[in-house]
Amino acid sequence: MLVIPVPFSKYHKEMLTHSKEMMEYNNGHMAINPSKHGKLITVLRTAMENGEGMLDKEATSHDDLFELPVSPTRI
């Protein structure tokens, strides 16, 4: 397995935008097992952008889990 570290400080806007597109357009491209990952679904449903292309952590439940689905979107 090849792991490539991605600095959120540099690519957070790009990753948030790409994640949003993957989940919203054409009925989404992500399948999540609700019985195993209920908190992750909550994160994705409550995620709010602050208007500057960044995650509004105060308005998002379990915001620390948001990095999980967003990380692989940096291509």
PDB file of N, CA and C in Angstrom:
ATOM      1  N   MET A   1       0.850  -1.174   0.000  1.00  0.00           N
ATOM      2  CA  MET A   1       0.000   0.000   0.000  1.00  0.00           C
ATOM      3  C   MET A   1       0.891   1.230   0.000  1.00  0.00           C
ATOM      4  N   LEU A   2       0.536   2.205  -0.787  1.00  0.00           N
ATOM      5  CA  LEU A   2       1.264   3.461  -0.872  1.00  0.00           C
ATOM      6  C   LEU A   2       0.447   4.536  -0.157  1.00  0.00           C
ATOM      7  N   VAL A   3       1.037   5.174   0.819  1.00  0.00           N
ATOM      8  CA  VAL A   3       0.363   6.244   1.568  1.00  0.00           C
ATOM      9  C   VAL A   3       1.038   7.560   1.224  1.00  0.00           C
ATOM     10  N   ILE A   4       0.242   8.499   0.757  1.00  0.00           N
ATOM     11  CA  ILE A   4       0.759   9.818   0.414  1.00  0.00           C
ATOM     12  C   ILE A   4       0.118  10.832   1.357  1.00  0.00           C
ATOM     13  N   PRO A   5       0.903  11.454   2.222  1.00  0.00           N
ATOM     14  CA  PRO A   5       0.332  12.439   3.148  1.00  0.00           C
ATOM     15  C   PRO A   5      -0.166  13.673   2.396  1.00  0.00           C
ATOM     16  N   VAL A   6      -1.308  14.158   2.820  1.00  0.00           N
ATOM     17  CA  VAL A   6      -1.904  15.342   2.199  1.00  0.00           C
ATOM     18  C   VAL A   6      -2.083  16.404   3.277  1.00  0.00           C
ATOM     19  N   PRO A   7      -1.463  17.557   3.121  1.00  0.00           N
ATOM     20  CA  PRO A   7      -1.628  18.615   4.123  1.00  0.00           C
ATOM     21  C   PRO A   7      -2.989  19.314   3.977  1.00  0.00           C
ATOM     22  N   PHE A   8      -3.826  19.161   4.981  1.00  0.00           N
ATOM     23  CA  PHE A   8      -5.145  19.795   4.942  1.00  0.00           C
ATOM     24  C   PHE A   8      -5.031  21.309   4.846  1.00  0.00           C
ATOM     25  N   SER A   9      -3.994  21.870   5.455  1.00  0.00           N
ATOM     26  CA  SER A   9      -3.844  23.322   5.442  1.00  0.00           C
ATOM     27  C   SER A   9      -3.702  23.872   4.025  1.00  0.00           C
ATOM     28  N   LYS A  10      -3.201  23.055   3.115  1.00  0.00           N
ATOM     29  CA  LYS A  10      -2.985  23.503   1.742  1.00  0.00           C
ATOM     30  C   LYS A  10      -4.136  23.124   0.812  1.00  0.00           C
ATOM     31  N   TYR A  11      -4.751  21.956   1.017  1.00  0.00           N
ATOM     32  CA  TYR A  11      -5.724  21.435   0.060  1.00  0.00           C
ATOM     33  C   TYR A  11      -7.150  21.328   0.596  1.00  0.00           C
ATOM     34  N   HIS A  12      -7.451  21.901   1.769  1.00  0.00           N
ATOM     35  CA  HIS A  12      -8.765  21.702   2.373  1.00  0.00           C
ATOM     36  C   HIS A  12      -9.920  22.180   1.502  1.00  0.00           C
ATOM     37  N   LYS A  13      -9.779  23.314   0.834  1.00  0.00           N
ATOM     38  CA  LYS A  13     -10.876  23.815   0.000  1.00  0.00           C
ATOM     39  C   LYS A  13     -11.133  22.892  -1.183  1.00  0.00           C
ATOM     40  N   GLU A  14     -10.079  22.456  -1.825  1.00  0.00           N
ATOM     41  CA  GLU A  14     -10.197  21.558  -2.968  1.00  0.00           C
ATOM     42  C   GLU A  14     -10.831  20.232  -2.561  1.00  0.00           C
ATOM     43  N   MET A  15     -10.408  19.685  -1.425  1.00  0.00           N
ATOM     44  CA  MET A  15     -10.942  18.401  -0.968  1.00  0.00           C
ATOM     45  C   MET A  15     -12.396  18.523  -0.548  1.00  0.00           C
ATOM     46  N   LEU A  16     -12.774  19.624   0.098  1.00  0.00           N
ATOM     47  CA  LEU A  16     -14.165  19.824   0.502  1.00  0.00           C
ATOM     48  C   LEU A  16     -15.066  19.936  -0.729  1.00  0.00           C
ATOM     49  N   THR A  17     -14.623  20.690  -1.720  1.00  0.00           N
ATOM     50  CA  THR A  17     -15.398  20.847  -2.947  1.00  0.00           C
ATOM     51  C   THR A  17     -15.565  19.520  -3.673  1.00  0.00           C
ATOM     52  N   HIS A  18     -14.480  18.767  -3.799  1.00  0.00           N
ATOM     53  CA  HIS A  18     -14.552  17.489  -4.508  1.00  0.00           C
ATOM     54  C   HIS A  18     -15.431  16.495  -3.753  1.00  0.00           C
ATOM     55  N   SER A  19     -15.340  16.474  -2.433  1.00  0.00           N
ATOM     56  CA  SER A  19     -16.184  15.577  -1.628  1.00  0.00           C
ATOM     57  C   SER A  19     -17.654  15.908  -1.811  1.00  0.00           C
ATOM     58  N   LYS A  20     -17.958  17.185  -1.793  1.00  0.00           N
ATOM     59  CA  LYS A  20     -19.338  17.627  -1.963  1.00  0.00           C
ATOM     60  C   LYS A  20     -19.871  17.194  -3.331  1.00  0.00           C
ATOM     61  N   GLU A  21     -19.058  17.352  -4.360  1.00  0.00           N
ATOM     62  CA  GLU A  21     -19.475  16.938  -5.703  1.00  0.00           C
ATOM     63  C   GLU A  21     -19.700  15.434  -5.778  1.00  0.00           C
ATOM     64  N   MET A  22     -18.814  14.660  -5.153  1.00  0.00           N
ATOM     65  CA  MET A  22     -18.959  13.203  -5.177  1.00  0.00           C
ATOM     66  C   MET A  22     -20.242  12.743  -4.506  1.00  0.00           C
ATOM     67  N   MET A  23     -20.675  13.445  -3.473  1.00  0.00           N
ATOM     68  CA  MET A  23     -21.845  13.013  -2.710  1.00  0.00           C
ATOM     69  C   MET A  23     -23.153  13.577  -3.238  1.00  0.00           C
ATOM     70  N   GLU A  24     -23.108  14.703  -3.941  1.00  0.00           N
ATOM     71  CA  GLU A  24     -24.343  15.353  -4.365  1.00  0.00           C
ATOM     72  C   GLU A  24     -24.749  15.069  -5.799  1.00  0.00           C
ATOM     73  N   TYR A  25     -23.830  15.069  -6.725  1.00  0.00           N
ATOM     74  CA  TYR A  25     -24.170  14.989  -8.134  1.00  0.00           C
ATOM     75  C   TYR A  25     -24.357  13.547  -8.593  1.00  0.00           C
ATOM     76  N   ASN A  26     -25.311  13.359  -9.490  1.00  0.00           N
ATOM     77  CA  ASN A  26     -25.630  12.032 -10.044  1.00  0.00           C
ATOM     78  C   ASN A  26     -25.920  11.006  -8.951  1.00  0.00           C
ATOM     79  N   ASN A  27     -26.673  11.388  -7.947  1.00  0.00           N
ATOM     80  CA  ASN A  27     -27.056  10.514  -6.832  1.00  0.00           C
ATOM     81  C   ASN A  27     -25.873  10.045  -5.990  1.00  0.00           C
ATOM     82  N   GLY A  28     -24.769  10.707  -6.099  1.00  0.00           N
ATOM     83  CA  GLY A  28     -23.613  10.402  -5.254  1.00  0.00           C
ATOM     84  C   GLY A  28     -22.816   9.203  -5.720  1.00  0.00           C
ATOM     85  N   HIS A  29     -21.593   9.129  -5.222  1.00  0.00           N
ATOM     86  CA  HIS A  29     -20.685   8.039  -5.579  1.00  0.00           C
ATOM     87  C   HIS A  29     -20.104   7.390  -4.339  1.00  0.00           C
ATOM     88  N   MET A  30     -20.859   7.375  -3.254  1.00  0.00           N
ATOM     89  CA  MET A  30     -20.343   6.834  -2.011  1.00  0.00           C
ATOM     90  C   MET A  30     -21.430   5.999  -1.342  1.00  0.00           C
ATOM     91  N   ALA A  31     -21.056   4.817  -0.898  1.00  0.00           N
ATOM     92  CA  ALA A  31     -21.985   3.950  -0.165  1.00  0.00           C
ATOM     93  C   ALA A  31     -21.421   3.744   1.239  1.00  0.00           C
ATOM     94  N   ILE A  32     -22.266   3.959   2.246  1.00  0.00           N
ATOM     95  CA  ILE A  32     -21.839   3.846   3.636  1.00  0.00           C
ATOM     96  C   ILE A  32     -22.810   2.931   4.363  1.00  0.00           C
ATOM     97  N   ASN A  33     -22.285   1.941   5.073  1.00  0.00           N
ATOM     98  CA  ASN A  33     -23.114   1.020   5.846  1.00  0.00           C
ATOM     99  C   ASN A  33     -23.591   1.751   7.109  1.00  0.00           C
ATOM    100  N   PRO A  34     -24.897   2.060   7.206  1.00  0.00           N
ATOM    101  CA  PRO A  34     -25.395   2.830   8.342  1.00  0.00           C
ATOM    102  C   PRO A  34     -25.293   2.117   9.689  1.00  0.00           C
ATOM    103  N   SER A  35     -25.311   0.792   9.686  1.00  0.00           N
ATOM    104  CA  SER A  35     -25.226   0.086  10.964  1.00  0.00           C
ATOM    105  C   SER A  35     -23.805   0.106  11.535  1.00  0.00           C
ATOM    106  N   LYS A  36     -22.817   0.294  10.682  1.00  0.00           N
ATOM    107  CA  LYS A  36     -21.430   0.335  11.150  1.00  0.00           C
ATOM    108  C   LYS A  36     -20.883   1.749  11.271  1.00  0.00           C
ATOM    109  N   HIS A  37     -21.410   2.672  10.472  1.00  0.00           N
ATOM    110  CA  HIS A  37     -20.830   4.010  10.402  1.00  0.00           C
ATOM    111  C   HIS A  37     -21.886   5.106  10.554  1.00  0.00           C
ATOM    112  N   GLY A  38     -22.704   4.985  11.570  1.00  0.00           N
ATOM    113  CA  GLY A  38     -23.767   5.957  11.812  1.00  0.00           C
ATOM    114  C   GLY A  38     -23.253   7.361  12.060  1.00  0.00           C
ATOM    115  N   LYS A  39     -22.147   7.480  12.821  1.00  0.00           N
ATOM    116  CA  LYS A  39     -21.590   8.813  13.105  1.00  0.00           C
ATOM    117  C   LYS A  39     -21.066   9.470  11.829  1.00  0.00           C
ATOM    118  N   LEU A  40     -20.493   8.680  10.948  1.00  0.00           N
ATOM    119  CA  LEU A  40     -19.988   9.224   9.689  1.00  0.00           C
ATOM    120  C   LEU A  40     -21.130   9.791   8.859  1.00  0.00           C
ATOM    121  N   ILE A  41     -22.260   9.102   8.838  1.00  0.00           N
ATOM    122  CA  ILE A  41     -23.434   9.610   8.115  1.00  0.00           C
ATOM    123  C   ILE A  41     -23.915  10.909   8.744  1.00  0.00           C
ATOM    124  N   THR A  42     -23.904  10.976  10.068  1.00  0.00           N
ATOM    125  CA  THR A  42     -24.288  12.214  10.759  1.00  0.00           C
ATOM    126  C   THR A  42     -23.361  13.356  10.380  1.00  0.00           C
ATOM    127  N   VAL A  43     -22.067  13.075  10.331  1.00  0.00           N
ATOM    128  CA  VAL A  43     -21.084  14.095   9.937  1.00  0.00           C
ATOM    129  C   VAL A  43     -21.407  14.636   8.555  1.00  0.00           C
ATOM    130  N   LEU A  44     -21.646  13.741   7.621  1.00  0.00           N
ATOM    131  CA  LEU A  44     -21.889  14.161   6.242  1.00  0.00           C
ATOM    132  C   LEU A  44     -23.217  14.908   6.097  1.00  0.00           C
ATOM    133  N   ARG A  45     -24.206  14.537   6.885  1.00  0.00           N
ATOM    134  CA  ARG A  45     -25.500  15.233   6.811  1.00  0.00           C
ATOM    135  C   ARG A  45     -25.458  16.616   7.451  1.00  0.00           C
ATOM    136  N   THR A  46     -24.628  16.783   8.465  1.00  0.00           N
ATOM    137  CA  THR A  46     -24.591  18.064   9.185  1.00  0.00           C
ATOM    138  C   THR A  46     -23.454  18.975   8.740  1.00  0.00           C
ATOM    139  N   ALA A  47     -22.586  18.491   7.856  1.00  0.00           N
ATOM    140  CA  ALA A  47     -21.439  19.300   7.423  1.00  0.00           C
ATOM    141  C   ALA A  47     -21.912  20.590   6.763  1.00  0.00           C
ATOM    142  N   MET A  48     -21.324  21.685   7.201  1.00  0.00           N
ATOM    143  CA  MET A  48     -21.664  23.001   6.667  1.00  0.00           C
ATOM    144  C   MET A  48     -20.380  23.710   6.257  1.00  0.00           C
ATOM    145  N   GLU A  49     -20.459  24.401   5.136  1.00  0.00           N
ATOM    146  CA  GLU A  49     -19.341  25.202   4.678  1.00  0.00           C
ATOM    147  C   GLU A  49     -19.520  26.602   5.251  1.00  0.00           C
ATOM    148  N   ASN A  50     -18.422  27.263   5.593  1.00  0.00           N
ATOM    149  CA  ASN A  50     -18.516  28.581   6.223  1.00  0.00           C
ATOM    150  C   ASN A  50     -18.562  29.731   5.220  1.00  0.00           C
ATOM    151  N   GLY A  51     -18.668  29.449   3.935  1.00  0.00           N
ATOM    152  CA  GLY A  51     -18.722  30.501   2.931  1.00  0.00           C
ATOM    153  C   GLY A  51     -17.371  30.825   2.325  1.00  0.00           C
ATOM    154  N   GLU A  52     -16.318  30.305   2.919  1.00  0.00           N
ATOM    155  CA  GLU A  52     -14.963  30.529   2.415  1.00  0.00           C
ATOM    156  C   GLU A  52     -14.334  29.234   1.921  1.00  0.00           C
ATOM    157  N   GLY A  53     -15.155  28.207   1.686  1.00  0.00           N
ATOM    158  CA  GLY A  53     -14.654  26.929   1.217  1.00  0.00           C
ATOM    159  C   GLY A  53     -14.055  26.073   2.311  1.00  0.00           C
ATOM    160  N   MET A  54     -14.379  26.388   3.554  1.00  0.00           N
ATOM    161  CA  MET A  54     -13.853  25.628   4.684  1.00  0.00           C
ATOM    162  C   MET A  54     -15.008  25.047   5.488  1.00  0.00           C
ATOM    163  N   LEU A  55     -14.761  23.935   6.167  1.00  0.00           N
ATOM    164  CA  LEU A  55     -15.759  23.296   7.002  1.00  0.00           C
ATOM    165  C   LEU A  55     -16.043  24.150   8.230  1.00  0.00           C
ATOM    166  N   ASP A  56     -17.332  24.398   8.491  1.00  0.00           N
ATOM    167  CA  ASP A  56     -17.731  25.116   9.700  1.00  0.00           C
ATOM    168  C   ASP A  56     -17.811  24.089  10.818  1.00  0.00           C
ATOM    169  N   LYS A  57     -16.759  23.987  11.605  1.00  0.00           N
ATOM    170  CA  LYS A  57     -16.666  22.942  12.626  1.00  0.00           C
ATOM    171  C   LYS A  57     -17.671  23.137  13.749  1.00  0.00           C
ATOM    172  N   GLU A  58     -18.101  24.354  14.006  1.00  0.00           N
ATOM    173  CA  GLU A  58     -19.085  24.608  15.064  1.00  0.00           C
ATOM    174  C   GLU A  58     -20.469  24.099  14.670  1.00  0.00           C
ATOM    175  N   ALA A  59     -20.777  24.123  13.384  1.00  0.00           N
ATOM    176  CA  ALA A  59     -22.103  23.710  12.908  1.00  0.00           C
ATOM    177  C   ALA A  59     -22.154  22.240  12.513  1.00  0.00           C
ATOM    178  N   THR A  60     -21.017  21.560  12.541  1.00  0.00           N
ATOM    179  CA  THR A  60     -20.930  20.172  12.092  1.00  0.00           C
ATOM    180  C   THR A  60     -20.763  19.231  13.281  1.00  0.00           C
ATOM    181  N   SER A  61     -21.651  18.248  13.383  1.00  0.00           N
ATOM    182  CA  SER A  61     -21.538  17.247  14.446  1.00  0.00           C
ATOM    183  C   SER A  61     -20.388  16.296  14.134  1.00  0.00           C
ATOM    184  N   HIS A  62     -19.639  15.913  15.153  1.00  0.00           N
ATOM    185  CA  HIS A  62     -18.517  14.972  15.012  1.00  0.00           C
ATOM    186  C   HIS A  62     -17.549  15.417  13.916  1.00  0.00           C
ATOM    187  N   ASP A  63     -17.210  16.702  13.891  1.00  0.00           N
ATOM    188  CA  ASP A  63     -16.387  17.253  12.811  1.00  0.00           C
ATOM    189  C   ASP A  63     -15.024  16.574  12.667  1.00  0.00           C
ATOM    190  N   ASP A  64     -14.528  15.950  13.736  1.00  0.00           N
ATOM    191  CA  ASP A  64     -13.241  15.262  13.648  1.00  0.00           C
ATOM    192  C   ASP A  64     -13.289  14.055  12.713  1.00  0.00           C
ATOM    193  N   LEU A  65     -14.475  13.492  12.489  1.00  0.00           N
ATOM    194  CA  LEU A  65     -14.615  12.348  11.582  1.00  0.00           C
ATOM    195  C   LEU A  65     -14.721  12.769  10.119  1.00  0.00           C
ATOM    196  N   PHE A  66     -14.893  14.058   9.869  1.00  0.00           N
ATOM    197  CA  PHE A  66     -15.087  14.527   8.497  1.00  0.00           C
ATOM    198  C   PHE A  66     -13.861  14.289   7.628  1.00  0.00           C
ATOM    199  N   GLU A  67     -12.691  14.254   8.226  1.00  0.00           N
ATOM    200  CA  GLU A  67     -11.468  14.055   7.448  1.00  0.00           C
ATOM    201  C   GLU A  67     -11.416  12.678   6.798  1.00  0.00           C
ATOM    202  N   LEU A  68     -12.093  11.711   7.371  1.00  0.00           N
ATOM    203  CA  LEU A  68     -12.068  10.344   6.842  1.00  0.00           C
ATOM    204  C   LEU A  68     -12.553  10.261   5.393  1.00  0.00           C
ATOM    205  N   PRO A  69     -13.763  10.721   5.054  1.00  0.00           N
ATOM    206  CA  PRO A  69     -14.190  10.604   3.654  1.00  0.00           C
ATOM    207  C   PRO A  69     -13.575  11.648   2.736  1.00  0.00           C
ATOM    208  N   VAL A  70     -13.063  12.733   3.306  1.00  0.00           N
ATOM    209  CA  VAL A  70     -12.515  13.825   2.497  1.00  0.00           C
ATOM    210  C   VAL A  70     -11.085  13.543   2.055  1.00  0.00           C
ATOM    211  N   SER A  71     -10.302  12.883   2.874  1.00  0.00           N
ATOM    212  CA  SER A  71      -8.885  12.655   2.581  1.00  0.00           C
ATOM    213  C   SER A  71      -8.606  12.024   1.225  1.00  0.00           C
ATOM    214  N   PRO A  72      -9.322  10.971   0.836  1.00  0.00           N
ATOM    215  CA  PRO A  72      -8.987  10.339  -0.443  1.00  0.00           C
ATOM    216  C   PRO A  72      -9.414  11.129  -1.672  1.00  0.00           C
ATOM    217  N   THR A  73     -10.015  12.302  -1.500  1.00  0.00           N
ATOM    218  CA  THR A  73     -10.513  13.047  -2.654  1.00  0.00           C
ATOM    219  C   THR A  73      -9.459  13.935  -3.290  1.00  0.00           C
ATOM    220  N   ARG A  74      -8.293  13.992  -2.724  1.00  0.00           N
ATOM    221  CA  ARG A  74      -7.197  14.769  -3.324  1.00  0.00           C
ATOM    222  C   ARG A  74      -6.500  13.888  -4.352  1.00  0.00           C
ATOM    223  N   ILE A  75      -6.676  14.247  -5.616  1.00  0.00           N
ATOM    224  CA  ILE A  75      -6.116  13.432  -6.689  1.00  0.00           C
ATOM    225  C   ILE A  75      -5.029  14.214  -7.398  1.00  0.00           C
TER     226      ILE A  75
END
